[in-house]
Amino acid sequence: MITKEMIDRINYLYHKSKNEGLTDEEKIEQSKLRMEYVKEIRQRVKQQLDSIKFVDEDNCHDDCCHHHHHH
């Protein structure tokens, strides 16, 4: 789970890397944090996509699919 502390640590390491550089241990930590963050974001997006229901236009009632009317 992405926590505020995790975000704060990612931001801290990013700024430290730009200003003074990171130790090897911090570089490894930064890499792990970023991978965990991206993994969770991907899972959230997948869950959202999996929950989308597509309307099957062939099964739609006449009153909701006006573009199928032929006059």
N, C-alpha and C. Protein backbone atom coordinates (compact mmCIF):
# COMPACT_ATOMS: atom_id res chain seq x y z
N MET A 1 0.84 -1.18 0.00
CA MET A 1 0.00 0.00 0.00
C MET A 1 0.89 1.25 0.00
N ILE A 2 0.51 2.21 -0.80
CA ILE A 2 1.26 3.46 -0.86
C ILE A 2 0.86 4.33 0.32
N THR A 3 1.84 4.67 1.15
CA THR A 3 1.58 5.50 2.32
C THR A 3 2.17 6.89 2.11
N LYS A 4 1.74 7.82 2.96
CA LYS A 4 2.31 9.17 2.90
C LYS A 4 3.81 9.11 3.17
N GLU A 5 4.22 8.25 4.10
CA GLU A 5 5.63 8.12 4.42
C GLU A 5 6.43 7.63 3.22
N MET A 6 5.83 6.72 2.46
CA MET A 6 6.49 6.19 1.27
C MET A 6 6.69 7.31 0.23
N ILE A 7 5.64 8.08 0.02
CA ILE A 7 5.72 9.21 -0.93
C ILE A 7 6.76 10.22 -0.44
N ASP A 8 6.73 10.53 0.84
CA ASP A 8 7.70 11.48 1.41
C ASP A 8 9.13 10.98 1.21
N ARG A 9 9.33 9.69 1.42
CA ARG A 9 10.67 9.12 1.28
C ARG A 9 11.12 9.15 -0.18
N ILE A 10 10.23 8.83 -1.11
CA ILE A 10 10.55 8.90 -2.54
C ILE A 10 10.96 10.32 -2.91
N ASN A 11 10.18 11.30 -2.43
CA ASN A 11 10.48 12.70 -2.73
C ASN A 11 11.81 13.13 -2.11
N TYR A 12 12.04 12.70 -0.85
CA TYR A 12 13.29 13.03 -0.17
C TYR A 12 14.49 12.49 -0.95
N LEU A 13 14.42 11.22 -1.33
CA LEU A 13 15.53 10.61 -2.05
C LEU A 13 15.74 11.27 -3.40
N TYR A 14 14.65 11.64 -4.06
CA TYR A 14 14.76 12.32 -5.35
C TYR A 14 15.52 13.64 -5.19
N HIS A 15 15.09 14.45 -4.24
CA HIS A 15 15.73 15.76 -4.03
C HIS A 15 17.18 15.60 -3.58
N LYS A 16 17.44 14.63 -2.71
CA LYS A 16 18.81 14.39 -2.26
C LYS A 16 19.69 13.96 -3.44
N SER A 17 19.13 13.15 -4.34
CA SER A 17 19.91 12.68 -5.49
C SER A 17 20.29 13.85 -6.39
N LYS A 18 19.42 14.86 -6.49
CA LYS A 18 19.69 16.03 -7.33
C LYS A 18 20.68 16.97 -6.66
N ASN A 19 20.63 17.08 -5.34
CA ASN A 19 21.45 18.05 -4.62
C ASN A 19 22.84 17.52 -4.27
N GLU A 20 22.89 16.37 -3.60
CA GLU A 20 24.18 15.90 -3.10
C GLU A 20 24.52 14.48 -3.52
N GLY A 21 23.57 13.79 -4.13
CA GLY A 21 23.82 12.41 -4.54
C GLY A 21 23.42 11.43 -3.45
N LEU A 22 23.21 10.19 -3.85
CA LEU A 22 22.77 9.15 -2.92
C LEU A 22 23.88 8.14 -2.69
N THR A 23 23.85 7.53 -1.51
CA THR A 23 24.74 6.40 -1.26
C THR A 23 24.22 5.20 -2.05
N ASP A 24 25.03 4.17 -2.16
CA ASP A 24 24.58 2.96 -2.86
C ASP A 24 23.34 2.38 -2.20
N GLU A 25 23.30 2.40 -0.86
CA GLU A 25 22.14 1.87 -0.15
C GLU A 25 20.89 2.69 -0.47
N GLU A 26 21.04 4.01 -0.53
CA GLU A 26 19.89 4.87 -0.84
C GLU A 26 19.43 4.67 -2.28
N LYS A 27 20.36 4.44 -3.19
CA LYS A 27 19.99 4.17 -4.58
C LYS A 27 19.15 2.90 -4.68
N ILE A 28 19.55 1.87 -3.94
CA ILE A 28 18.81 0.61 -3.92
C ILE A 28 17.42 0.83 -3.31
N GLU A 29 17.38 1.57 -2.20
CA GLU A 29 16.10 1.87 -1.55
C GLU A 29 15.18 2.65 -2.51
N GLN A 30 15.75 3.64 -3.19
CA GLN A 30 14.96 4.45 -4.12
C GLN A 30 14.38 3.58 -5.23
N SER A 31 15.20 2.68 -5.76
CA SER A 31 14.75 1.79 -6.82
C SER A 31 13.62 0.89 -6.35
N LYS A 32 13.77 0.33 -5.15
CA LYS A 32 12.72 -0.55 -4.59
C LYS A 32 11.42 0.21 -4.35
N LEU A 33 11.55 1.42 -3.79
CA LEU A 33 10.35 2.23 -3.52
C LEU A 33 9.62 2.57 -4.82
N ARG A 34 10.39 2.95 -5.84
CA ARG A 34 9.78 3.30 -7.13
C ARG A 34 9.08 2.09 -7.76
N MET A 35 9.73 0.92 -7.68
CA MET A 35 9.12 -0.29 -8.25
C MET A 35 7.83 -0.64 -7.53
N GLU A 36 7.84 -0.52 -6.21
CA GLU A 36 6.64 -0.81 -5.41
C GLU A 36 5.52 0.17 -5.75
N TYR A 37 5.88 1.44 -5.89
CA TYR A 37 4.91 2.49 -6.22
C TYR A 37 4.27 2.21 -7.59
N VAL A 38 5.11 1.96 -8.58
CA VAL A 38 4.61 1.70 -9.94
C VAL A 38 3.75 0.44 -9.97
N LYS A 39 4.17 -0.59 -9.25
CA LYS A 39 3.41 -1.85 -9.19
C LYS A 39 1.99 -1.60 -8.66
N GLU A 40 1.89 -0.82 -7.59
CA GLU A 40 0.58 -0.55 -7.00
C GLU A 40 -0.28 0.30 -7.93
N ILE A 41 0.32 1.29 -8.57
CA ILE A 41 -0.44 2.13 -9.50
C ILE A 41 -0.98 1.27 -10.65
N ARG A 42 -0.14 0.36 -11.16
CA ARG A 42 -0.60 -0.54 -12.24
C ARG A 42 -1.78 -1.39 -11.78
N GLN A 43 -1.71 -1.90 -10.53
CA GLN A 43 -2.81 -2.73 -10.01
C GLN A 43 -4.09 -1.91 -9.91
N ARG A 44 -3.97 -0.67 -9.45
CA ARG A 44 -5.16 0.19 -9.33
C ARG A 44 -5.78 0.45 -10.70
N VAL A 45 -4.94 0.75 -11.68
CA VAL A 45 -5.46 1.02 -13.03
C VAL A 45 -6.12 -0.23 -13.59
N LYS A 46 -5.49 -1.38 -13.40
CA LYS A 46 -6.06 -2.64 -13.89
C LYS A 46 -7.42 -2.91 -13.24
N GLN A 47 -7.52 -2.66 -11.94
CA GLN A 47 -8.80 -2.86 -11.26
C GLN A 47 -9.87 -1.94 -11.83
N GLN A 48 -9.49 -0.70 -12.11
CA GLN A 48 -10.46 0.24 -12.67
C GLN A 48 -10.89 -0.21 -14.06
N LEU A 49 -9.93 -0.65 -14.87
CA LEU A 49 -10.27 -1.10 -16.21
C LEU A 49 -11.13 -2.35 -16.18
N ASP A 50 -10.81 -3.26 -15.26
CA ASP A 50 -11.58 -4.50 -15.14
C ASP A 50 -13.02 -4.24 -14.70
N SER A 51 -13.24 -3.12 -14.01
CA SER A 51 -14.59 -2.83 -13.51
C SER A 51 -15.47 -2.12 -14.54
N ILE A 52 -14.86 -1.70 -15.65
CA ILE A 52 -15.65 -1.00 -16.68
C ILE A 52 -16.52 -2.02 -17.41
N LYS A 53 -17.78 -1.67 -17.55
CA LYS A 53 -18.70 -2.52 -18.30
C LYS A 53 -19.00 -1.85 -19.65
N PHE A 54 -18.81 -2.60 -20.70
CA PHE A 54 -19.08 -2.05 -22.03
C PHE A 54 -20.52 -2.39 -22.40
N VAL A 55 -21.19 -1.42 -22.98
CA VAL A 55 -22.57 -1.62 -23.40
C VAL A 55 -22.55 -2.35 -24.74
N ASP A 56 -23.31 -3.40 -24.81
CA ASP A 56 -23.45 -4.15 -26.06
C ASP A 56 -24.59 -3.51 -26.84
N GLU A 57 -24.26 -2.81 -27.89
CA GLU A 57 -25.27 -2.04 -28.63
C GLU A 57 -26.35 -2.94 -29.25
N ASP A 58 -26.02 -4.17 -29.56
CA ASP A 58 -27.00 -5.08 -30.17
C ASP A 58 -28.10 -5.45 -29.18
N ASN A 59 -27.82 -5.39 -27.89
CA ASN A 59 -28.82 -5.72 -26.88
C ASN A 59 -29.48 -4.49 -26.28
N CYS A 60 -29.22 -3.36 -26.85
CA CYS A 60 -29.74 -2.10 -26.32
C CYS A 60 -31.19 -1.91 -26.78
N HIS A 61 -32.01 -1.33 -25.90
CA HIS A 61 -33.40 -1.04 -26.26
C HIS A 61 -33.46 0.11 -27.26
N ASP A 62 -34.50 0.14 -28.06
CA ASP A 62 -34.63 1.19 -29.08
C ASP A 62 -34.56 2.59 -28.49
N ASP A 63 -35.12 2.78 -27.30
CA ASP A 63 -35.19 4.12 -26.74
C ASP A 63 -33.83 4.62 -26.22
N CYS A 64 -32.85 3.75 -26.10
CA CYS A 64 -31.55 4.23 -25.63
C CYS A 64 -30.51 4.27 -26.74
N CYS A 65 -30.80 3.72 -27.88
CA CYS A 65 -29.84 3.70 -28.97
C CYS A 65 -30.42 4.40 -30.19
N HIS A 66 -30.53 5.68 -30.10
CA HIS A 66 -31.15 6.46 -31.15
C HIS A 66 -30.42 6.36 -32.47
N HIS A 67 -29.15 6.11 -32.44
CA HIS A 67 -28.37 6.07 -33.69
C HIS A 67 -28.68 4.83 -34.53
N HIS A 68 -29.46 3.88 -33.99
CA HIS A 68 -29.84 2.69 -34.76
C HIS A 68 -31.18 2.86 -35.49
N HIS A 69 -31.87 3.95 -35.23
CA HIS A 69 -33.17 4.17 -35.87
C HIS A 69 -33.00 4.47 -37.34
N HIS A 70 -33.83 3.85 -38.15
CA HIS A 70 -33.85 4.13 -39.59
C HIS A 70 -35.24 4.61 -39.95
N HIS A 71 -35.31 5.82 -40.45
CA HIS A 71 -36.64 6.38 -40.80
C HIS A 71 -36.84 6.33 -42.28
